[in-house]
C-alpha atoms as a PDB file:
ATOM      1  CA  MET A   1       0.000   0.000   0.000  1.00  0.00           C
ATOM      2  CA  PHE A   2       2.873   2.390   0.730  1.00  0.00           C
ATOM      3  CA  ILE A   3       4.492   1.676  -2.633  1.00  0.00           C
ATOM      4  CA  ALA A   4       1.305   2.500  -4.563  1.00  0.00           C
ATOM      5  CA  GLU A   5       0.984   5.793  -2.699  1.00  0.00           C
ATOM      6  CA  ALA A   6       4.619   6.597  -3.408  1.00  0.00           C
ATOM      7  CA  PHE A   7       4.165   5.983  -7.157  1.00  0.00           C
ATOM      8  CA  ALA A   8       1.009   8.078  -7.161  1.00  0.00           C
ATOM      9  CA  ALA A   9       2.806  10.940  -5.410  1.00  0.00           C
ATOM     10  CA  THR A  10       5.740  10.902  -7.837  1.00  0.00           C
ATOM     11  CA  GLY A  11       3.387  10.731 -10.813  1.00  0.00           C
ATOM     12  CA  THR A  12       1.529  13.901  -9.812  1.00  0.00           C
ATOM     13  CA  ALA A  13       4.781  15.686  -9.002  1.00  0.00           C
ATOM     14  CA  ALA A  14       6.141  14.825 -12.439  1.00  0.00           C
ATOM     15  CA  ALA A  15       2.926  16.002 -14.078  1.00  0.00           C
ATOM     16  CA  ALA A  16       3.093  19.278 -12.175  1.00  0.00           C
ATOM     17  CA  ALA A  17       6.739  19.825 -13.201  1.00  0.00           C
ATOM     18  CA  GLU A  18       6.013  19.546 -16.949  1.00  0.00           C
ATOM     19  CA  PRO A  19       6.085  22.897 -18.719  1.00  0.00           C
ATOM     20  CA  SER A  20       2.789  24.235 -19.927  1.00  0.00           C
ATOM     21  CA  PRO A  21       2.235  24.147 -23.712  1.00  0.00           C
ATOM     22  CA  MET A  22       1.221  27.817 -23.469  1.00  0.00           C
ATOM     23  CA  ILE A  23       4.715  28.792 -22.318  1.00  0.00           C
ATOM     24  CA  GLY A  24       6.252  27.080 -25.351  1.00  0.00           C
ATOM     25  CA  PHE A  25       3.820  28.874 -27.644  1.00  0.00           C
ATOM     26  CA  LEU A  26       4.619  32.259 -26.085  1.00  0.00           C
ATOM     27  CA  LEU A  27       8.359  31.643 -26.407  1.00  0.00           C
ATOM     28  CA  GLN A  28       7.943  30.778 -30.085  1.00  0.00           C
ATOM     29  CA  LEU A  29       5.810  33.875 -30.631  1.00  0.00           C
ATOM     30  CA  ILE A  30       8.415  36.092 -28.971  1.00  0.00           C
ATOM     31  CA  LEU A  31      11.179  34.470 -31.033  1.00  0.00           C
ATOM     32  CA  VAL A  32       9.293  35.058 -34.301  1.00  0.00           C
ATOM     33  CA  PHE A  33       8.641  38.693 -33.373  1.00  0.00           C
ATOM     34  CA  ALA A  34      12.338  39.201 -32.537  1.00  0.00           C
ATOM     35  CA  ILE A  35      13.351  37.740 -35.905  1.00  0.00           C
ATOM     36  CA  PHE A  36      10.894  40.000 -37.748  1.00  0.00           C
ATOM     37  CA  TYR A  37      12.126  43.011 -35.794  1.00  0.00           C
ATOM     38  CA  PHE A  38      15.807  42.450 -36.534  1.00  0.00           C
ATOM     39  CA  LEU A  39      15.363  41.336 -40.162  1.00  0.00           C
ATOM     40  CA  LEU A  40      12.545  43.619 -41.362  1.00  0.00           C
ATOM     41  CA  ILE A  41      11.502  46.427 -39.038  1.00  0.00           C
ATOM     42  CA  ARG A  42      14.866  47.683 -37.746  1.00  0.00           C
ATOM     43  CA  PRO A  43      16.610  47.915 -41.164  1.00  0.00           C
ATOM     44  CA  GLN A  44      13.597  49.744 -42.611  1.00  0.00           C
ATOM     45  CA  GLN A  45      13.615  52.263 -39.758  1.00  0.00           C
ATOM     46  CA  LYS A  46      17.343  52.779 -40.240  1.00  0.00           C
ATOM     47  CA  LYS A  47      16.863  53.363 -43.968  1.00  0.00           C
ATOM     48  CA  MET A  48      14.058  55.853 -43.323  1.00  0.00           C
ATOM     49  CA  LYS A  49      16.230  57.743 -40.824  1.00  0.00           C
ATOM     50  CA  GLU A  50      19.108  57.951 -43.324  1.00  0.00           C
ATOM     51  CA  HIS A  51      16.743  59.243 -46.036  1.00  0.00           C
ATOM     52  CA  GLU A  52      15.331  61.856 -43.644  1.00  0.00           C
ATOM     53  CA  ASP A  53      18.868  63.014 -42.771  1.00  0.00           C
ATOM     54  CA  THR A  54      19.688  63.240 -46.483  1.00  0.00           C
ATOM     55  CA  LEU A  55      16.602  65.355 -47.144  1.00  0.00           C
ATOM     56  CA  ASN A  56      17.400  67.695 -44.268  1.00  0.00           C
ATOM     57  CA  ALA A  57      20.973  68.175 -45.554  1.00  0.00           C
ATOM     58  CA  ILE A  58      19.910  69.421 -49.014  1.00  0.00           C
ATOM     59  CA  LYS A  59      21.363  72.836 -49.783  1.00  0.00           C
ATOM     60  CA  PRO A  60      21.665  75.059 -52.868  1.00  0.00           C
ATOM     61  CA  LYS A  61      23.761  73.716 -55.774  1.00  0.00           C
ATOM     62  CA  ASP A  62      22.997  70.075 -54.854  1.00  0.00           C
ATOM     63  CA  GLU A  63      21.772  67.918 -57.719  1.00  0.00           C
ATOM     64  CA  ILE A  64      18.724  65.814 -56.863  1.00  0.00           C
ATOM     65  CA  ILE A  65      16.315  63.307 -58.347  1.00  0.00           C
ATOM     66  CA  THR A  66      12.663  64.076 -57.697  1.00  0.00           C
ATOM     67  CA  GLY A  67       9.995  61.502 -56.934  1.00  0.00           C
ATOM     68  CA  GLY A  68       8.886  61.770 -60.575  1.00  0.00           C
ATOM     69  CA  GLY A  69      12.375  60.868 -61.780  1.00  0.00           C
ATOM     70  CA  MET A  70      13.480  64.313 -62.943  1.00  0.00           C
ATOM     71  CA  TYR A  71      17.038  65.466 -62.362  1.00  0.00           C
ATOM     72  CA  ALA A  72      17.204  68.993 -60.983  1.00  0.00           C
ATOM     73  CA  LYS A  73      19.627  71.407 -59.382  1.00  0.00           C
ATOM     74  CA  VAL A  74      18.628  73.107 -56.133  1.00  0.00           C
ATOM     75  CA  VAL A  75      18.664  76.889 -56.453  1.00  0.00           C
ATOM     76  CA  LYS A  76      17.118  77.822 -53.117  1.00  0.00           C
ATOM     77  CA  ALA A  77      16.137  75.880 -49.992  1.00  0.00           C
ATOM     78  CA  ASP A  78      13.548  77.451 -47.668  1.00  0.00           C
ATOM     79  CA  GLY A  79      12.341  75.022 -45.016  1.00  0.00           C
ATOM     80  CA  ASP A  80      10.128  72.416 -46.678  1.00  0.00           C
ATOM     81  CA  VAL A  81      10.092  74.168 -50.071  1.00  0.00           C
ATOM     82  CA  LEU A  82      12.926  73.787 -52.569  1.00  0.00           C
ATOM     83  CA  THR A  83      13.288  75.912 -55.669  1.00  0.00           C
ATOM     84  CA  VAL A  84      14.933  73.767 -58.310  1.00  0.00           C
ATOM     85  CA  LYS A  85      16.189  74.404 -61.825  1.00  0.00           C
ATOM     86  CA  ILE A  86      15.043  71.684 -64.226  1.00  0.00           C
ATOM     87  CA  ALA A  87      16.131  73.389 -67.475  1.00  0.00           C
ATOM     88  CA  GLU A  88      17.675  76.661 -68.624  1.00  0.00           C
ATOM     89  CA  GLY A  89      15.378  79.407 -67.420  1.00  0.00           C
ATOM     90  CA  VAL A  90      12.903  76.971 -65.834  1.00  0.00           C
ATOM     91  CA  GLU A  91      12.689  76.976 -62.051  1.00  0.00           C
ATOM     92  CA  VAL A  92       9.956  75.247 -60.080  1.00  0.00           C
ATOM     93  CA  LYS A  93       9.143  74.885 -56.428  1.00  0.00           C
ATOM     94  CA  ILE A  94       8.853  71.388 -54.981  1.00  0.00           C
ATOM     95  CA  SER A  95       8.360  69.901 -51.562  1.00  0.00           C
ATOM     96  CA  ARG A  96      11.492  68.645 -49.827  1.00  0.00           C
ATOM     97  CA  SER A  97       9.703  65.350 -49.135  1.00  0.00           C
ATOM     98  CA  SER A  98       9.264  64.725 -52.880  1.00  0.00           C
ATOM     99  CA  VAL A  99      13.029  64.335 -53.320  1.00  0.00           C
ATOM    100  CA  ARG A 100      13.995  60.721 -53.911  1.00  0.00           C
ATOM    101  CA  ASP A 101      17.784  61.002 -53.811  1.00  0.00           C
ATOM    102  CA  VAL A 102      20.680  63.435 -53.825  1.00  0.00           C
ATOM    103  CA  VAL A 103      22.863  62.718 -56.857  1.00  0.00           C
ATOM    104  CA  SER A 104      25.792  64.962 -56.005  1.00  0.00           C
ATOM    105  CA  GLU A 105      26.527  67.363 -53.212  1.00  0.00           C
ATOM    106  CA  ASN A 106      28.371  70.603 -53.735  1.00  0.00           C
ATOM    107  CA  LYS A 107      31.318  70.552 -51.342  1.00  0.00           C
END
């Protein structure tokens, strides 16, 4: 009778010591989120920050590419508005956020 009680006690202790399936699921979920963060979210945020810094550094005489694909030379930079020269005698005003890339910087 004592042996049966001893086996019953160890069986419930072993069952209580098993990890819950919910903990395993949560660990997997956290691992997947961490992978997504380091492979997708973080590089995209870094790229956006670099682009924002590039836009803020635009100054006159820089050559840029607009969002529409036109090459232009910055004539004047006033806050969010850039006056750019797209051809001889043709100057237009564009938003700083519509600049896709800076081709060359005047140094």
